[in-house]
Amino acid sequence: MHLLDRLLLISDLFERDMTRVFSGTPLSSARMAVLWTVHHSGPVPQQAIADALDVSARNVSALVDALSAAGYVRRTSDPHDRRVFLIELTEEGTSLMETTQREHHDLSSALLDAVAPGDRPALERGLAAISERLATLVADAMPGDAEASR
């Protein structure tokens, strides 16, 4: 099996696992991306979430609306600029993200257990190099982004 085939298989397995985990909940990978951004950045304007996820502010607004309705986030006024609303995790959202973070740690450990301890540093360096190269290839293939970075 070629490297790309293995990476696509891994991607598919992660996608199927997320579908299983999110089944019966209001969560999706896009909504979780918003939650991760808020979790790591603290209260943050919607525009900052849009920038971090490289999506439109309108798209983020719909995601935040759904997460707010589900009780995971709330909008609060920015004390420095009343025209801006900050998105912050609710208690339920914080609990979800703490649980998710633990589960990610546990899954990372379980996956690394499949690799000999002496091979783990090389695996981590290789995965970092592959993800960086793929990010560059994707950015170069997107004409609007390439023009903006010049």
Protein backbone atom coordinates (compact mmCIF):
# COMPACT_ATOMS: atom_id res chain seq x y z
CA MET A 1 0.00 0.00 0.00
CA HIS A 2 1.35 3.43 -0.95
CA LEU A 3 1.78 6.26 1.55
CA LEU A 4 -1.15 8.24 0.13
CA ASP A 5 -3.38 5.17 0.30
CA ARG A 6 -2.53 4.72 3.98
CA LEU A 7 -3.12 8.40 4.74
CA LEU A 8 -6.49 8.29 2.96
CA LEU A 9 -7.41 5.14 4.90
CA ILE A 10 -6.47 6.83 8.18
CA SER A 11 -8.50 9.90 7.21
CA ASP A 12 -11.50 7.72 6.38
CA LEU A 13 -11.20 5.81 9.66
CA PHE A 14 -11.08 9.07 11.64
CA GLU A 15 -14.09 10.39 9.73
CA ARG A 16 -16.09 7.21 10.41
CA ASP A 17 -15.14 7.34 14.09
CA MET A 18 -16.22 10.99 14.36
CA THR A 19 -19.52 10.15 12.68
CA ARG A 20 -20.02 7.39 15.25
CA VAL A 21 -19.11 9.66 18.17
CA PHE A 22 -21.31 12.56 16.96
CA SER A 23 -24.30 10.32 16.16
CA GLY A 24 -27.33 11.50 18.12
CA THR A 25 -25.66 14.79 19.13
CA PRO A 26 -25.82 18.28 17.63
CA LEU A 27 -22.06 18.08 16.98
CA SER A 28 -20.21 17.83 13.66
CA SER A 29 -16.57 18.20 12.69
CA ALA A 30 -17.21 21.86 11.70
CA ARG A 31 -18.88 22.63 15.03
CA MET A 32 -16.08 20.87 16.91
CA ALA A 33 -13.55 23.01 15.03
CA VAL A 34 -15.30 26.09 16.40
CA LEU A 35 -15.29 24.62 19.91
CA TRP A 36 -11.57 23.79 19.67
CA THR A 37 -10.82 27.34 18.54
CA VAL A 38 -12.76 28.87 21.43
CA HIS A 39 -11.34 26.31 23.87
CA HIS A 40 -7.75 27.22 22.93
CA SER A 41 -8.26 30.97 22.47
CA GLY A 42 -10.69 31.80 25.26
CA PRO A 43 -13.49 34.25 24.55
CA VAL A 44 -12.93 35.30 20.96
CA PRO A 45 -14.77 37.37 18.32
CA GLN A 46 -16.55 35.42 15.58
CA GLN A 47 -14.25 36.98 13.00
CA ALA A 48 -11.22 35.50 14.76
CA ILE A 49 -12.87 32.07 14.58
CA ALA A 50 -13.57 32.58 10.87
CA ASP A 51 -9.95 33.59 10.31
CA ALA A 52 -8.61 30.61 12.29
CA LEU A 53 -10.80 28.16 10.37
CA ASP A 54 -10.40 29.93 7.01
CA VAL A 55 -14.17 30.17 6.47
CA SER A 56 -16.57 33.06 6.06
CA ALA A 57 -17.91 34.98 9.04
CA ARG A 58 -21.41 34.04 7.88
CA ASN A 59 -20.48 30.35 8.06
CA VAL A 60 -19.17 30.81 11.60
CA SER A 61 -22.32 32.67 12.59
CA ALA A 62 -24.45 29.66 11.61
CA LEU A 63 -22.12 27.30 13.48
CA VAL A 64 -22.17 29.51 16.58
CA ASP A 65 -25.98 29.74 16.39
CA ALA A 66 -26.21 25.94 16.44
CA LEU A 67 -23.66 25.59 19.25
CA SER A 68 -25.43 28.26 21.26
CA ALA A 69 -28.80 26.54 20.80
CA ALA A 70 -27.19 23.29 22.00
CA GLY A 71 -25.81 25.05 25.08
CA TYR A 72 -22.08 24.77 24.30
CA VAL A 73 -21.26 28.46 23.69
CA ARG A 74 -22.69 31.89 24.40
CA ARG A 75 -22.20 35.34 22.93
CA THR A 76 -21.09 38.07 25.31
CA SER A 77 -20.34 41.74 24.72
CA ASP A 78 -16.71 42.69 24.31
CA PRO A 79 -15.92 45.04 27.23
CA HIS A 80 -13.58 47.03 24.95
CA ASP A 81 -15.89 47.34 21.92
CA ARG A 82 -19.66 47.03 22.38
CA ARG A 83 -20.11 46.45 18.63
CA VAL A 84 -18.26 43.13 18.94
CA PHE A 85 -19.56 39.94 20.49
CA LEU A 86 -17.20 37.42 21.99
CA ILE A 87 -17.86 33.70 21.78
CA GLU A 88 -17.10 31.77 24.93
CA LEU A 89 -17.69 28.25 26.15
CA THR A 90 -20.48 27.59 28.59
CA GLU A 91 -19.97 25.23 31.52
CA GLU A 92 -21.35 22.43 29.33
CA GLY A 93 -19.01 23.42 26.49
CA THR A 94 -16.01 23.51 28.82
CA SER A 95 -16.90 20.07 30.18
CA LEU A 96 -17.26 18.68 26.65
CA MET A 97 -13.89 20.08 25.58
CA GLU A 98 -12.13 18.77 28.70
CA THR A 99 -13.59 15.32 28.02
CA THR A 100 -12.65 15.56 24.34
CA GLN A 101 -9.11 16.60 25.20
CA ARG A 102 -8.73 13.58 27.52
CA GLU A 103 -10.14 11.28 24.84
CA HIS A 104 -7.71 12.70 22.27
CA HIS A 105 -4.83 12.08 24.64
CA ASP A 106 -5.99 8.51 25.28
CA LEU A 107 -6.43 7.81 21.56
CA SER A 108 -3.02 9.31 20.77
CA SER A 109 -1.46 7.03 23.38
CA ALA A 110 -3.31 3.99 22.04
CA LEU A 111 -2.20 4.77 18.49
CA LEU A 112 1.41 5.34 19.51
CA ASP A 113 1.37 2.00 21.35
CA ALA A 114 1.23 0.41 17.87
CA VAL A 115 4.68 1.88 17.12
CA ALA A 116 7.91 0.68 18.70
CA PRO A 117 9.14 3.26 21.24
CA GLY A 118 12.38 3.79 19.33
CA ASP A 119 10.45 4.57 16.13
CA ARG A 120 8.10 7.15 17.65
CA PRO A 121 10.35 10.22 17.26
CA ALA A 122 10.89 9.41 13.57
CA LEU A 123 7.15 8.87 13.09
CA GLU A 124 6.33 12.22 14.70
CA ARG A 125 8.97 14.03 12.59
CA GLY A 126 7.69 12.30 9.45
CA LEU A 127 4.05 13.16 10.15
CA ALA A 128 4.99 16.79 10.84
CA ALA A 129 6.94 16.97 7.59
CA ILE A 130 4.10 15.39 5.59
CA SER A 131 1.46 17.70 7.08
CA GLU A 132 3.61 20.77 6.41
CA ARG A 133 4.24 19.68 2.81
CA LEU A 134 0.55 18.94 2.24
CA ALA A 135 -0.40 22.35 3.66
CA THR A 136 2.05 23.99 1.23
CA LEU A 137 0.76 21.99 -1.73
CA VAL A 138 -2.85 22.86 -0.89
CA ALA A 139 -2.01 26.56 -0.42
CA ASP A 140 -0.12 26.64 -3.72
CA ALA A 141 -3.04 25.00 -5.52
CA MET A 142 -5.50 27.63 -4.28
CA PRO A 143 -5.04 30.67 -6.55
CA GLY A 144 -6.82 33.17 -4.27
CA ASP A 145 -4.65 32.28 -1.30
CA ALA A 146 -1.44 32.33 -3.34
CA GLU A 147 -2.20 35.82 -4.63
CA ALA A 148 -3.01 37.09 -1.14
CA SER A 149 0.31 35.89 0.27
CA ARG A 150 2.41 37.72 -2.33
